[in-house]
Structure formats: structure tokens, C-alpha cells
Amino acid sequence: MDAFERIPVDVRWKLAAREVSALPLAYRRAIRDGADDHLYNEVERAVWREQGREAGVIARAFGMPLGNAREVAEAFAAATRLLFGPEYRYEIGDSAPGEAILTVRGCAMTARAKEQGENPLAACNACHAYTNAAIPGLNRNYAPNYRSAICAGDAACSIVVGPARQ
């Protein structure tokens, strides 16, 4: 057994996801001080939109259904938990007809911000860019609508997955 194989699979996942969830803060510390806020925010959004598109790749690779709002919310949450680890805790419920509500009770990015003494709001730009790309990437007929956010001080994130405005 090589050294890598000695690390249990679940521990590998938790450690890798922990590092991914810390990326927005690392970028912010490394780059933001030397760039104006607008430029930095645009670059950060571009990076996280690309990461968000991976949710569709993951969902399709594992044959997840993507035909309605609930299926899109479920695929989004599963792919996001795969990428960000077990700290990403969520529930999915039905909202209005044709909509699903995703309630996120645990966010790895805000957890990393708090651990590092950063303002959790620093994770918001990256999270929204990720989510705004991921949901339509799963099904272009759906888009997120944010009702609350952990990074903004709310107890949970509440995201309605509903029909995209054309």
C-alpha cells in the first residue's frame, strides 16, 4: 500500500473539500489587496462560474434526473456536497408549483471564513457565481432566487429553484 492509500477515502474527501472551500479566502488574501474591488470581484466570479458548471458534469456523469425544479435542486445539492464536503448540509422541499426550495444549514465556505477570522460575507461573491452558473447548467429552464444567506448573517441559506426568466 502506498502512502496515499493509507489515508482513508472519507478522510481524503473531507480534506480535499476543506481546501476547496478555503479557496475564495486564499484568492482574496493573495490578490485583492493589489487589485481594485471591481476587477477582483469580476475575476473571482469568472473562476467560480467555471466551478459551478462542474455541477452539470457531475450530475450527468451519474445519471441524475434534471427535468423539474426539485430534481435540479437535488442534483445541485448533491454535486455541491461532493465538491465542498460533508459540512455542506441541506434540505430540499417543495415551494410554489414548479419550484423547489433548497435550505442550506451548513456552508463550508463560511465555516472557513470564520475559522480564519474573515468576514463570512467574503464567501458570498464566490458562492453566488457558483450557484448562478450551476443551476442553469443543470437545466437552462431554471434559475436560483436567494431568500437568505448564511454569509449575510442568516441562520440558513434559502434558495428557491424556479423557472428562469426569459
Protein backbone atom coordinates (compact mmCIF):
# COMPACT_ATOMS: atom_id res chain seq x y z
CA MET A 1 0.00 0.00 0.00
CA ASP A 2 1.44 3.39 -0.96
CA ALA A 3 1.28 6.40 1.36
CA PHE A 4 -1.80 7.86 -0.37
CA GLU A 5 -3.78 4.64 0.04
CA ARG A 6 -3.13 4.73 3.79
CA ILE A 7 -5.39 7.76 4.05
CA PRO A 8 -9.00 6.54 4.33
CA VAL A 9 -11.24 7.56 1.42
CA ASP A 10 -13.65 9.53 3.60
CA VAL A 11 -10.74 11.45 5.16
CA ARG A 12 -9.32 12.25 1.70
CA TRP A 13 -12.71 13.64 0.66
CA LYS A 14 -13.07 15.75 3.80
CA LEU A 15 -9.57 17.18 3.48
CA ALA A 16 -9.90 17.94 -0.25
CA ALA A 17 -13.30 19.55 0.23
CA ARG A 18 -11.94 21.62 3.11
CA GLU A 19 -9.25 23.03 0.85
CA VAL A 20 -11.71 23.80 -1.96
CA SER A 21 -13.95 25.66 0.47
CA ALA A 22 -10.98 27.80 1.58
CA LEU A 23 -10.09 28.89 -1.97
CA PRO A 24 -12.18 32.09 -2.05
CA LEU A 25 -10.39 33.32 1.05
CA ALA A 26 -6.96 32.39 -0.29
CA TYR A 27 -7.67 34.25 -3.54
CA ARG A 28 -8.92 37.23 -1.61
CA ARG A 29 -5.81 37.43 0.57
CA ALA A 30 -3.39 36.85 -2.31
CA ILE A 31 -4.93 39.10 -4.94
CA ARG A 32 -7.46 41.52 -3.57
CA ASP A 33 -5.06 43.90 -1.88
CA GLY A 34 -3.33 44.57 -5.19
CA ALA A 35 -6.44 44.89 -7.36
CA ASP A 36 -9.36 47.24 -7.27
CA ASP A 37 -12.53 45.72 -5.86
CA HIS A 38 -14.47 45.67 -9.12
CA LEU A 39 -11.71 43.91 -11.06
CA TYR A 40 -11.13 41.41 -8.27
CA ASN A 41 -14.85 40.60 -7.97
CA GLU A 42 -15.14 40.04 -11.73
CA VAL A 43 -12.15 37.67 -11.77
CA GLU A 44 -13.44 35.79 -8.72
CA ARG A 45 -16.90 35.40 -10.30
CA ALA A 46 -15.37 34.06 -13.53
CA VAL A 47 -13.42 31.40 -11.62
CA TRP A 48 -16.43 30.28 -9.60
CA ARG A 49 -18.77 30.25 -12.61
CA GLU A 50 -16.43 27.68 -14.14
CA GLN A 51 -16.55 25.64 -10.94
CA GLY A 52 -20.35 25.91 -10.96
CA ARG A 53 -20.53 24.40 -14.42
CA GLU A 54 -18.94 21.26 -12.97
CA ALA A 55 -22.20 20.53 -11.15
CA GLY A 56 -23.77 19.68 -14.52
CA VAL A 57 -20.84 17.46 -15.46
CA ILE A 58 -21.16 15.58 -12.17
CA ALA A 59 -24.95 15.23 -12.41
CA ARG A 60 -24.84 13.92 -15.97
CA ALA A 61 -21.95 11.56 -15.23
CA PHE A 62 -24.05 9.89 -12.53
CA GLY A 63 -27.33 9.97 -14.44
CA MET A 64 -29.13 12.32 -12.07
CA PRO A 65 -32.58 13.38 -13.30
CA LEU A 66 -32.80 17.09 -14.17
CA GLY A 67 -36.32 17.52 -15.52
CA ASN A 68 -38.01 19.65 -12.86
CA ALA A 69 -37.14 22.13 -10.12
CA ARG A 70 -36.86 19.54 -7.36
CA GLU A 71 -34.58 17.31 -9.45
CA VAL A 72 -32.39 20.31 -10.32
CA ALA A 73 -32.19 21.31 -6.64
CA GLU A 74 -31.34 17.72 -5.63
CA ALA A 75 -28.62 17.40 -8.29
CA PHE A 76 -27.20 20.83 -7.39
CA ALA A 77 -27.06 19.95 -3.69
CA ALA A 78 -25.51 16.53 -4.31
CA ALA A 79 -22.83 17.90 -6.65
CA THR A 80 -22.11 20.77 -4.28
CA ARG A 81 -21.74 18.43 -1.34
CA LEU A 82 -19.40 16.26 -3.39
CA LEU A 83 -17.23 19.31 -4.16
CA PHE A 84 -17.43 21.04 -0.77
CA GLY A 85 -17.70 18.07 1.57
CA PRO A 86 -19.87 16.97 4.45
CA GLU A 87 -20.02 20.42 6.02
CA TYR A 88 -22.43 21.34 3.22
CA ARG A 89 -25.73 20.32 4.82
CA TYR A 90 -29.05 20.89 3.12
CA GLU A 91 -32.72 20.06 2.91
CA ILE A 92 -34.95 20.26 -0.15
CA GLY A 93 -38.65 20.98 -0.06
CA ASP A 94 -41.37 21.96 -2.43
CA SER A 95 -42.19 25.62 -2.76
CA ALA A 96 -44.80 27.00 -5.15
CA PRO A 97 -45.80 24.87 -8.16
CA GLY A 98 -42.80 24.41 -10.44
CA GLU A 99 -40.36 25.48 -7.72
CA ALA A 100 -38.24 23.80 -5.06
CA ILE A 101 -36.65 25.36 -2.03
CA LEU A 102 -33.10 24.47 -1.07
CA THR A 103 -32.30 25.22 2.56
CA VAL A 104 -28.58 25.13 3.32
CA ARG A 105 -27.90 24.71 7.02
CA GLY A 106 -24.13 24.24 6.81
CA CYS A 107 -21.76 26.07 4.47
CA ALA A 108 -18.11 25.09 4.22
CA MET A 109 -17.04 28.44 2.74
CA THR A 110 -18.49 30.47 5.62
CA ALA A 111 -17.05 27.94 8.09
CA ARG A 112 -13.58 28.52 6.60
CA ALA A 113 -14.07 32.30 6.75
CA LYS A 114 -14.99 32.14 10.43
CA GLU A 115 -12.04 29.82 11.21
CA GLN A 116 -9.66 32.23 9.52
CA GLY A 117 -11.08 35.33 11.20
CA GLU A 118 -12.53 36.65 7.95
CA ASN A 119 -15.93 38.17 7.38
CA PRO A 120 -18.21 35.33 6.16
CA LEU A 121 -19.64 37.78 3.62
CA ALA A 122 -16.35 37.27 1.73
CA ALA A 123 -17.72 33.91 0.55
CA CYS A 124 -20.88 35.41 -0.94
CA ASN A 125 -19.43 36.55 -4.29
CA ALA A 126 -17.91 33.14 -4.99
CA CYS A 127 -20.99 31.23 -3.81
CA HIS A 128 -23.42 33.27 -5.90
CA ALA A 129 -21.24 32.97 -9.00
CA TYR A 130 -21.02 29.20 -8.46
CA THR A 131 -24.76 28.79 -7.86
CA ASN A 132 -25.83 31.17 -10.64
CA ALA A 133 -23.83 29.08 -13.13
CA ALA A 134 -24.57 25.65 -11.66
CA ILE A 135 -28.37 25.71 -11.61
CA PRO A 136 -28.91 26.79 -15.24
CA GLY A 137 -26.03 24.48 -16.16
CA LEU A 138 -28.11 21.61 -14.82
CA ASN A 139 -31.24 22.76 -16.66
CA ARG A 140 -31.32 26.07 -18.53
CA ASN A 141 -35.01 26.47 -17.73
CA TYR A 142 -34.26 27.04 -14.03
CA ALA A 143 -32.50 29.75 -12.02
CA PRO A 144 -31.84 30.46 -8.33
CA ASN A 145 -33.63 33.11 -6.31
CA TYR A 146 -31.98 33.89 -2.97
CA ARG A 147 -34.14 34.49 0.10
CA SER A 148 -31.50 34.34 2.85
CA ALA A 149 -27.78 33.66 3.22
CA ILE A 150 -25.56 32.29 5.98
CA CYS A 151 -22.73 34.55 4.79
CA ALA A 152 -25.01 37.57 5.36
CA GLY A 153 -25.70 36.50 8.94
CA ASP A 154 -28.88 34.46 8.45
CA ALA A 155 -29.26 31.08 10.17
CA ALA A 156 -29.56 29.31 6.80
CA CYS A 157 -29.39 29.94 3.08
CA SER A 158 -32.74 29.74 1.40
CA ILE A 159 -32.58 29.38 -2.38
CA VAL A 160 -35.68 28.93 -4.49
CA VAL A 161 -35.03 26.97 -7.68
CA GLY A 162 -37.66 28.10 -10.12
CA PRO A 163 -38.35 28.90 -13.75
CA ALA A 164 -35.72 31.12 -15.38
CA ARG A 165 -36.91 34.46 -16.63
CA GLN A 166 -36.66 34.53 -20.38
